[in-house]
Amino acid sequence: MTTRPARIALVGDRSPHVLAHDRIPVALRHATPAPDAVDPYWIGSADVRDVAGLADFDGIWLVPGSPYVDRDGAFAAVTTARTAGVPFLGTCGGFQHALLEIARSVVGLDVDHAEDPLGEVEHLIVPLACSLLGEEARVDVLPGTRAADLLGAGPRVERFFCSYGLDGRFRARLETAGLVFSAYDETGNARMVELPGHPFFLASLYQPELSSDETWVHPLIRAFVSAAVERVSGRRAVGSDVGADAAREPTLH
């Protein structure tokens, strides 16, 4: 049987002015030795809810570039990946909106993003004490996490292009819902998050695509692509029962 490429939804508002948007297709193309292993589709945030079968994609990447034209579309992408077991990667704005979706949908918090507030509520995502616009900065990956399995535990340097991050006051509430914050900066601010029990659900405030090119692809991206390719293989293996286990919503309480 011929193996089809892994179909990956790149959710965000594509712009020639966002460097990450140029780097992402390159990183995906070179993430595996097979040149045609991945078939990416760009989906604007305003178009997400009009896409039939988003859960049928093999991976969803919520890309940088916030504020999104339609952040409800960004939230819908996170919800679909989280509840349908679709491998998910969120970088920069994708990290921020993944946390917002879970805070609202699972934890029940009435919170917002300081960049694009819609009401007089507390902000889960707030301005960084020091903006990281094109900066390299240290992150410390915690042992015993999936991030450590992929990147190695301990300090590493990553590239950022962001001005907003998680307000640490909410971290414990999100952890009680099942999230694991798997990397921090030197002052204890969250820089990566993952969802145990999900086939692949990781998000980073840093942008691994910015350090990737034709010669080297960040391990986080390679692992995401590998999870998407494995989803294709799993569907072929189980036939009409595909996704029965993966589609079960991870435990969030």
C-alpha atoms as a PDB file:
ATOM      1  CA  MET A   1       0.000   0.000   0.000  1.00  0.00           C
ATOM      2  CA  THR A   2       1.349   3.457  -0.888  1.00  0.00           C
ATOM      3  CA  THR A   3       1.953   5.696   2.091  1.00  0.00           C
ATOM      4  CA  ARG A   4       0.482   9.132   1.602  1.00  0.00           C
ATOM      5  CA  PRO A   5       2.191  12.254   2.978  1.00  0.00           C
ATOM      6  CA  ALA A   6       1.279  13.517   6.433  1.00  0.00           C
ATOM      7  CA  ARG A   7      -1.170  16.398   6.018  1.00  0.00           C
ATOM      8  CA  ILE A   8      -0.288  19.240   8.361  1.00  0.00           C
ATOM      9  CA  ALA A   9      -2.526  22.258   8.940  1.00  0.00           C
ATOM     10  CA  LEU A  10      -0.547  25.458   9.449  1.00  0.00           C
ATOM     11  CA  VAL A  11      -3.063  27.648  11.247  1.00  0.00           C
ATOM     12  CA  GLY A  12      -2.366  31.352  11.222  1.00  0.00           C
ATOM     13  CA  ASP A  13      -2.501  34.438   9.063  1.00  0.00           C
ATOM     14  CA  ARG A  14       0.332  34.038   6.577  1.00  0.00           C
ATOM     15  CA  SER A  15       2.358  37.180   6.033  1.00  0.00           C
ATOM     16  CA  PRO A  16       5.574  37.983   4.151  1.00  0.00           C
ATOM     17  CA  HIS A  17       6.515  40.182   7.105  1.00  0.00           C
ATOM     18  CA  VAL A  18       6.656  37.278   9.582  1.00  0.00           C
ATOM     19  CA  LEU A  19      10.001  35.512   9.274  1.00  0.00           C
ATOM     20  CA  ALA A  20       8.659  32.345  10.883  1.00  0.00           C
ATOM     21  CA  HIS A  21       6.152  31.926   8.062  1.00  0.00           C
ATOM     22  CA  ASP A  22       8.993  31.634   5.543  1.00  0.00           C
ATOM     23  CA  ARG A  23      10.990  29.270   7.749  1.00  0.00           C
ATOM     24  CA  ILE A  24       8.213  26.816   8.645  1.00  0.00           C
ATOM     25  CA  PRO A  25       7.720  25.217   5.184  1.00  0.00           C
ATOM     26  CA  VAL A  26      11.493  24.817   4.877  1.00  0.00           C
ATOM     27  CA  ALA A  27      11.707  23.143   8.283  1.00  0.00           C
ATOM     28  CA  LEU A  28       8.840  20.795   7.463  1.00  0.00           C
ATOM     29  CA  ARG A  29      10.345  19.838   4.126  1.00  0.00           C
ATOM     30  CA  HIS A  30      13.650  18.895   5.723  1.00  0.00           C
ATOM     31  CA  ALA A  31      12.361  17.374   8.946  1.00  0.00           C
ATOM     32  CA  THR A  32      12.587  13.832   7.566  1.00  0.00           C
ATOM     33  CA  PRO A  33      14.880  12.150   5.021  1.00  0.00           C
ATOM     34  CA  ALA A  34      11.859  11.519   2.779  1.00  0.00           C
ATOM     35  CA  PRO A  35      11.338  14.634   0.624  1.00  0.00           C
ATOM     36  CA  ASP A  36       7.582  14.128   0.212  1.00  0.00           C
ATOM     37  CA  ALA A  37       6.718  12.942   3.712  1.00  0.00           C
ATOM     38  CA  VAL A  38       4.786  16.104   4.607  1.00  0.00           C
ATOM     39  CA  ASP A  39       2.012  17.976   2.816  1.00  0.00           C
ATOM     40  CA  PRO A  40       1.402  21.349   4.538  1.00  0.00           C
ATOM     41  CA  TYR A  41      -1.785  23.407   4.166  1.00  0.00           C
ATOM     42  CA  TRP A  42      -2.012  27.025   5.257  1.00  0.00           C
ATOM     43  CA  ILE A  43      -5.331  27.832   6.925  1.00  0.00           C
ATOM     44  CA  GLY A  44      -6.091  31.414   7.946  1.00  0.00           C
ATOM     45  CA  SER A  45      -7.460  31.882  11.441  1.00  0.00           C
ATOM     46  CA  ALA A  46     -10.710  33.253   9.997  1.00  0.00           C
ATOM     47  CA  ASP A  47     -11.106  30.119   7.863  1.00  0.00           C
ATOM     48  CA  VAL A  48     -10.579  27.457  10.532  1.00  0.00           C
ATOM     49  CA  ARG A  49     -14.225  26.990  11.432  1.00  0.00           C
ATOM     50  CA  ASP A  50     -15.143  26.653   7.738  1.00  0.00           C
ATOM     51  CA  VAL A  51     -12.684  23.799   7.203  1.00  0.00           C
ATOM     52  CA  ALA A  52     -14.489  20.466   7.148  1.00  0.00           C
ATOM     53  CA  GLY A  53     -12.502  17.694   8.768  1.00  0.00           C
ATOM     54  CA  LEU A  54      -9.787  19.639  10.586  1.00  0.00           C
ATOM     55  CA  ALA A  55      -9.548  16.635  12.907  1.00  0.00           C
ATOM     56  CA  ASP A  56      -8.647  14.525   9.864  1.00  0.00           C
ATOM     57  CA  PHE A  57      -5.335  16.314   9.471  1.00  0.00           C
ATOM     58  CA  ASP A  58      -2.303  14.422  10.728  1.00  0.00           C
ATOM     59  CA  GLY A  59      -0.874  17.439  12.528  1.00  0.00           C
ATOM     60  CA  ILE A  60      -1.873  20.979  13.496  1.00  0.00           C
ATOM     61  CA  TRP A  61       0.709  23.725  13.971  1.00  0.00           C
ATOM     62  CA  LEU A  62      -0.617  26.978  15.433  1.00  0.00           C
ATOM     63  CA  VAL A  63       2.009  29.302  14.035  1.00  0.00           C
ATOM     64  CA  PRO A  64       3.338  32.694  15.234  1.00  0.00           C
ATOM     65  CA  GLY A  65       1.823  35.950  14.086  1.00  0.00           C
ATOM     66  CA  SER A  66      -0.622  37.074  16.760  1.00  0.00           C
ATOM     67  CA  PRO A  67      -2.868  38.878  17.227  1.00  0.00           C
ATOM     68  CA  TYR A  68      -4.694  36.542  14.880  1.00  0.00           C
ATOM     69  CA  VAL A  69      -7.373  37.915  12.563  1.00  0.00           C
ATOM     70  CA  ASP A  70      -9.856  35.579  14.256  1.00  0.00           C
ATOM     71  CA  ARG A  71      -8.585  34.263  17.540  1.00  0.00           C
ATOM     72  CA  ASP A  72     -11.685  32.074  17.939  1.00  0.00           C
ATOM     73  CA  GLY A  73     -10.349  30.232  14.910  1.00  0.00           C
ATOM     74  CA  ALA A  74      -7.017  29.812  16.684  1.00  0.00           C
ATOM     75  CA  PHE A  75      -8.826  28.486  19.753  1.00  0.00           C
ATOM     76  CA  ALA A  76     -10.813  26.082  17.556  1.00  0.00           C
ATOM     77  CA  ALA A  77      -7.578  24.666  16.171  1.00  0.00           C
ATOM     78  CA  VAL A  78      -6.287  24.013  19.700  1.00  0.00           C
ATOM     79  CA  THR A  79      -9.582  22.461  20.781  1.00  0.00           C
ATOM     80  CA  THR A  80      -9.610  20.148  17.774  1.00  0.00           C
ATOM     81  CA  ALA A  81      -6.056  18.963  18.346  1.00  0.00           C
ATOM     82  CA  ARG A  82      -6.586  18.535  22.070  1.00  0.00           C
ATOM     83  CA  THR A  83      -9.844  16.609  21.914  1.00  0.00           C
ATOM     84  CA  ALA A  84      -9.270  14.593  18.726  1.00  0.00           C
ATOM     85  CA  GLY A  85      -5.748  13.465  19.510  1.00  0.00           C
ATOM     86  CA  VAL A  86      -4.209  15.260  16.531  1.00  0.00           C
ATOM     87  CA  PRO A  87      -0.476  15.972  17.003  1.00  0.00           C
ATOM     88  CA  PHE A  88      -0.163  19.642  17.935  1.00  0.00           C
ATOM     89  CA  LEU A  89       2.666  22.140  17.932  1.00  0.00           C
ATOM     90  CA  GLY A  90       2.231  25.741  19.013  1.00  0.00           C
ATOM     91  CA  THR A  91       5.037  28.278  18.780  1.00  0.00           C
ATOM     92  CA  CYS A  92       5.077  31.833  20.161  1.00  0.00           C
ATOM     93  CA  GLY A  93       1.466  32.974  19.657  1.00  0.00           C
ATOM     94  CA  GLY A  94       0.526  29.306  19.378  1.00  0.00           C
ATOM     95  CA  PHE A  95       1.925  28.730  22.881  1.00  0.00           C
ATOM     96  CA  GLN A  96      -0.013  31.693  24.229  1.00  0.00           C
ATOM     97  CA  HIS A  97      -3.318  30.707  22.652  1.00  0.00           C
ATOM     98  CA  ALA A  98      -2.996  27.041  23.585  1.00  0.00           C
ATOM     99  CA  LEU A  99      -2.762  28.152  27.212  1.00  0.00           C
ATOM    100  CA  LEU A 100      -5.708  30.495  26.774  1.00  0.00           C
ATOM    101  CA  GLU A 101      -7.881  27.798  25.198  1.00  0.00           C
ATOM    102  CA  ILE A 102      -7.215  25.343  28.016  1.00  0.00           C
ATOM    103  CA  ALA A 103      -7.589  28.000  30.698  1.00  0.00           C
ATOM    104  CA  ARG A 104     -10.998  28.928  29.313  1.00  0.00           C
ATOM    105  CA  SER A 105     -12.366  25.612  28.083  1.00  0.00           C
ATOM    106  CA  VAL A 106     -10.987  23.229  30.694  1.00  0.00           C
ATOM    107  CA  VAL A 107     -10.167  25.237  33.816  1.00  0.00           C
ATOM    108  CA  GLY A 108     -13.089  27.636  33.389  1.00  0.00           C
ATOM    109  CA  LEU A 109     -11.078  30.820  33.901  1.00  0.00           C
ATOM    110  CA  ASP A 110     -12.411  34.122  32.597  1.00  0.00           C
ATOM    111  CA  VAL A 111      -9.087  35.378  31.261  1.00  0.00           C
ATOM    112  CA  ASP A 112      -7.732  37.115  28.194  1.00  0.00           C
ATOM    113  CA  HIS A 113      -4.641  38.147  26.251  1.00  0.00           C
ATOM    114  CA  ALA A 114      -3.214  41.570  27.076  1.00  0.00           C
ATOM    115  CA  GLU A 115      -2.310  42.071  23.410  1.00  0.00           C
ATOM    116  CA  ASP A 116      -5.911  41.784  22.226  1.00  0.00           C
ATOM    117  CA  PRO A 117      -8.314  42.120  25.174  1.00  0.00           C
ATOM    118  CA  LEU A 118     -12.041  41.920  24.551  1.00  0.00           C
ATOM    119  CA  GLY A 119     -13.289  42.751  28.021  1.00  0.00           C
ATOM    120  CA  GLU A 120     -12.473  43.833  31.539  1.00  0.00           C
ATOM    121  CA  VAL A 121     -11.038  40.516  32.725  1.00  0.00           C
ATOM    122  CA  GLU A 122      -7.702  39.356  34.083  1.00  0.00           C
ATOM    123  CA  HIS A 123      -4.939  38.684  31.589  1.00  0.00           C
ATOM    124  CA  LEU A 124      -3.491  35.194  31.421  1.00  0.00           C
ATOM    125  CA  ILE A 125      -1.000  36.341  28.783  1.00  0.00           C
ATOM    126  CA  VAL A 126       0.873  39.495  29.755  1.00  0.00           C
ATOM    127  CA  PRO A 127       3.784  41.590  28.451  1.00  0.00           C
ATOM    128  CA  LEU A 128       7.193  40.099  29.157  1.00  0.00           C
ATOM    129  CA  ALA A 129       9.342  42.000  31.597  1.00  0.00           C
ATOM    130  CA  CYS A 130      11.820  42.284  28.728  1.00  0.00           C
ATOM    131  CA  SER A 131      10.700  41.733  25.143  1.00  0.00           C
ATOM    132  CA  LEU A 132      12.536  39.004  23.251  1.00  0.00           C
ATOM    133  CA  LEU A 133      12.345  40.358  19.719  1.00  0.00           C
ATOM    134  CA  GLY A 134      14.891  38.394  17.734  1.00  0.00           C
ATOM    135  CA  GLU A 135      16.815  37.451  20.885  1.00  0.00           C
ATOM    136  CA  GLU A 136      18.502  34.244  21.895  1.00  0.00           C
ATOM    137  CA  ALA A 137      17.843  33.265  25.502  1.00  0.00           C
ATOM    138  CA  ARG A 138      18.440  30.357  27.841  1.00  0.00           C
ATOM    139  CA  VAL A 139      15.710  27.883  28.687  1.00  0.00           C
ATOM    140  CA  ASP A 140      16.002  25.051  31.210  1.00  0.00           C
ATOM    141  CA  VAL A 141      14.241  21.823  30.252  1.00  0.00           C
ATOM    142  CA  LEU A 142      12.961  19.794  33.194  1.00  0.00           C
ATOM    143  CA  PRO A 143      13.952  16.124  33.492  1.00  0.00           C
ATOM    144  CA  GLY A 144      11.198  13.532  33.282  1.00  0.00           C
ATOM    145  CA  THR A 145       9.229  15.477  30.671  1.00  0.00           C
ATOM    146  CA  ARG A 146       8.559  14.758  27.026  1.00  0.00           C
ATOM    147  CA  ALA A 147      10.504  17.898  26.203  1.00  0.00           C
ATOM    148  CA  ALA A 148      13.510  16.374  27.951  1.00  0.00           C
ATOM    149  CA  ASP A 149      13.099  13.184  25.930  1.00  0.00           C
ATOM    150  CA  LEU A 150      13.263  15.252  22.751  1.00  0.00           C
ATOM    151  CA  LEU A 151      15.732  17.994  23.662  1.00  0.00           C
ATOM    152  CA  GLY A 152      17.631  16.665  26.650  1.00  0.00           C
ATOM    153  CA  ALA A 153      17.214  17.916  30.210  1.00  0.00           C
ATOM    154  CA  GLY A 154      19.042  21.030  31.333  1.00  0.00           C
ATOM    155  CA  PRO A 155      19.894  24.420  29.865  1.00  0.00           C
ATOM    156  CA  ARG A 156      19.833  25.231  26.163  1.00  0.00           C
ATOM    157  CA  VAL A 157      19.678  28.400  24.065  1.00  0.00           C
ATOM    158  CA  GLU A 158      16.622  29.102  21.909  1.00  0.00           C
ATOM    159  CA  ARG A 159      15.562  31.882  19.574  1.00  0.00           C
ATOM    160  CA  PHE A 160      12.612  34.086  20.481  1.00  0.00           C
ATOM    161  CA  PHE A 161      10.567  36.734  18.750  1.00  0.00           C
ATOM    162  CA  CYS A 162       7.832  37.652  21.205  1.00  0.00           C
ATOM    163  CA  SER A 163       6.673  40.230  23.701  1.00  0.00           C
ATOM    164  CA  TYR A 164       4.074  38.287  25.717  1.00  0.00           C
ATOM    165  CA  GLY A 165       4.075  35.257  27.986  1.00  0.00           C
ATOM    166  CA  LEU A 166       2.182  33.492  30.752  1.00  0.00           C
ATOM    167  CA  ASP A 167       1.367  35.342  33.951  1.00  0.00           C
ATOM    168  CA  GLY A 168       2.946  33.005  36.499  1.00  0.00           C
ATOM    169  CA  ARG A 169       0.092  33.562  38.953  1.00  0.00           C
ATOM    170  CA  PHE A 170      -2.036  31.182  36.863  1.00  0.00           C
ATOM    171  CA  ARG A 171       0.507  28.404  36.458  1.00  0.00           C
ATOM    172  CA  ALA A 172      -0.707  26.273  39.370  1.00  0.00           C
ATOM    173  CA  ARG A 173      -4.314  26.464  38.156  1.00  0.00           C
ATOM    174  CA  LEU A 174      -3.258  25.200  34.744  1.00  0.00           C
ATOM    175  CA  GLU A 175      -1.164  22.440  36.290  1.00  0.00           C
ATOM    176  CA  THR A 176      -4.126  21.152  38.276  1.00  0.00           C
ATOM    177  CA  ALA A 177      -5.863  20.688  34.909  1.00  0.00           C
ATOM    178  CA  GLY A 178      -3.158  18.274  33.786  1.00  0.00           C
ATOM    179  CA  LEU A 179      -0.732  20.530  31.928  1.00  0.00           C
ATOM    180  CA  VAL A 180       2.995  20.136  32.514  1.00  0.00           C
ATOM    181  CA  PHE A 181       5.294  23.124  32.140  1.00  0.00           C
ATOM    182  CA  SER A 182       8.451  21.496  30.913  1.00  0.00           C
ATOM    183  CA  ALA A 183      10.859  24.401  30.413  1.00  0.00           C
ATOM    184  CA  TYR A 184      11.498  27.729  32.132  1.00  0.00           C
ATOM    185  CA  ASP A 185      13.772  30.688  31.735  1.00  0.00           C
ATOM    186  CA  GLU A 186      16.403  31.601  34.321  1.00  0.00           C
ATOM    187  CA  THR A 187      13.895  33.537  36.427  1.00  0.00           C
ATOM    188  CA  GLY A 188      11.249  30.799  36.476  1.00  0.00           C
ATOM    189  CA  ASN A 189       8.959  31.977  33.672  1.00  0.00           C
ATOM    190  CA  ALA A 190       7.290  29.194  31.644  1.00  0.00           C
ATOM    191  CA  ARG A 191       8.730  28.657  28.188  1.00  0.00           C
ATOM    192  CA  MET A 192       7.315  25.234  27.192  1.00  0.00           C
ATOM    193  CA  VAL A 193       4.158  23.304  27.997  1.00  0.00           C
ATOM    194  CA  GLU A 194       2.951  19.793  27.190  1.00  0.00           C
ATOM    195  CA  LEU A 195      -0.128  17.654  27.652  1.00  0.00           C
ATOM    196  CA  PRO A 196       0.615  14.160  28.985  1.00  0.00           C
ATOM    197  CA  GLY A 197      -1.538  11.365  27.621  1.00  0.00           C
ATOM    198  CA  HIS A 198      -1.888  13.065  24.235  1.00  0.00           C
ATOM    199  CA  PRO A 199      -0.155  11.555  21.175  1.00  0.00           C
ATOM    200  CA  PHE A 200       1.814  14.806  20.797  1.00  0.00           C
ATOM    201  CA  PHE A 201       0.856  18.158  22.295  1.00  0.00           C
ATOM    202  CA  LEU A 202       3.722  20.570  22.915  1.00  0.00           C
ATOM    203  CA  ALA A 203       4.029  24.323  22.685  1.00  0.00           C
ATOM    204  CA  SER A 204       6.921  26.705  23.143  1.00  0.00           C
ATOM    205  CA  LEU A 205       7.170  30.439  23.574  1.00  0.00           C
ATOM    206  CA  TYR A 206      10.398  30.317  21.596  1.00  0.00           C
ATOM    207  CA  GLN A 207      10.326  29.710  17.849  1.00  0.00           C
ATOM    208  CA  PRO A 208      12.207  26.544  16.834  1.00  0.00           C
ATOM    209  CA  GLU A 209      11.563  27.360  13.184  1.00  0.00           C
ATOM    210  CA  LEU A 210      13.887  30.370  13.443  1.00  0.00           C
ATOM    211  CA  SER A 211      16.890  28.161  14.165  1.00  0.00           C
ATOM    212  CA  SER A 212      15.972  25.646  11.447  1.00  0.00           C
ATOM    213  CA  ASP A 213      17.070  25.581   7.821  1.00  0.00           C
ATOM    214  CA  GLU A 214      17.865  23.136   5.026  1.00  0.00           C
ATOM    215  CA  THR A 215      20.844  21.726   6.915  1.00  0.00           C
ATOM    216  CA  TRP A 216      19.423  21.370  10.435  1.00  0.00           C
ATOM    217  CA  VAL A 217      15.859  21.140  11.752  1.00  0.00           C
ATOM    218  CA  HIS A 218      15.054  21.707  15.412  1.00  0.00           C
ATOM    219  CA  PRO A 219      14.311  18.444  17.291  1.00  0.00           C
ATOM    220  CA  LEU A 220      10.924  19.767  18.410  1.00  0.00           C
ATOM    221  CA  ILE A 221       9.816  20.166  14.794  1.00  0.00           C
ATOM    222  CA  ARG A 222      11.269  16.811  13.787  1.00  0.00           C
ATOM    223  CA  ALA A 223       9.379  15.133  16.630  1.00  0.00           C
ATOM    224  CA  PHE A 224       6.135  16.845  15.633  1.00  0.00           C
ATOM    225  CA  VAL A 225       6.521  15.701  12.040  1.00  0.00           C
ATOM    226  CA  SER A 226       7.369  12.191  13.221  1.00  0.00           C
ATOM    227  CA  ALA A 227       4.149  12.111  15.271  1.00  0.00           C
ATOM    228  CA  ALA A 228       2.154  13.239  12.218  1.00  0.00           C
ATOM    229  CA  VAL A 229       3.772  10.565  10.034  1.00  0.00           C
ATOM    230  CA  GLU A 230       3.057   7.947  12.695  1.00  0.00           C
ATOM    231  CA  ARG A 231      -0.592   9.021  12.676  1.00  0.00           C
ATOM    232  CA  VAL A 232      -0.734   8.225   8.963  1.00  0.00           C
ATOM    233  CA  SER A 233       0.785   4.795   9.611  1.00  0.00           C
ATOM    234  CA  GLY A 234      -1.619   4.158  12.465  1.00  0.00           C
ATOM    235  CA  ARG A 235      -4.600   4.952  10.294  1.00  0.00           C
ATOM    236  CA  ARG A 236      -3.436   2.521   7.650  1.00  0.00           C
ATOM    237  CA  ALA A 237      -2.868  -0.167  10.274  1.00  0.00           C
ATOM    238  CA  VAL A 238      -6.293   0.015  11.905  1.00  0.00           C
ATOM    239  CA  GLY A 239      -8.327   0.757   8.786  1.00  0.00           C
ATOM    240  CA  SER A 240     -11.899   1.741   9.577  1.00  0.00           C
ATOM    241  CA  ASP A 241     -11.146   1.914  13.304  1.00  0.00           C
ATOM    242  CA  VAL A 242      -8.489   4.565  12.816  1.00  0.00           C
ATOM    243  CA  GLY A 243      -8.104   7.093  15.565  1.00  0.00           C
ATOM    244  CA  ALA A 244     -10.261   5.258  18.085  1.00  0.00           C
ATOM    245  CA  ASP A 245      -7.656   5.625  20.824  1.00  0.00           C
ATOM    246  CA  ALA A 246      -6.083   8.841  19.592  1.00  0.00           C
ATOM    247  CA  ALA A 247      -9.460  10.543  19.351  1.00  0.00           C
ATOM    248  CA  ARG A 248     -10.168   9.936  23.019  1.00  0.00           C
ATOM    249  CA  GLU A 249      -9.776  13.233  24.878  1.00  0.00           C
ATOM    250  CA  PRO A 250      -6.759  13.322  27.203  1.00  0.00           C
ATOM    251  CA  THR A 251      -7.554  13.467  30.903  1.00  0.00           C
ATOM    252  CA  LEU A 252      -7.925  17.064  32.026  1.00  0.00           C
ATOM    253  CA  HIS A 253      -9.536  17.683  35.367  1.00  0.00           C
END
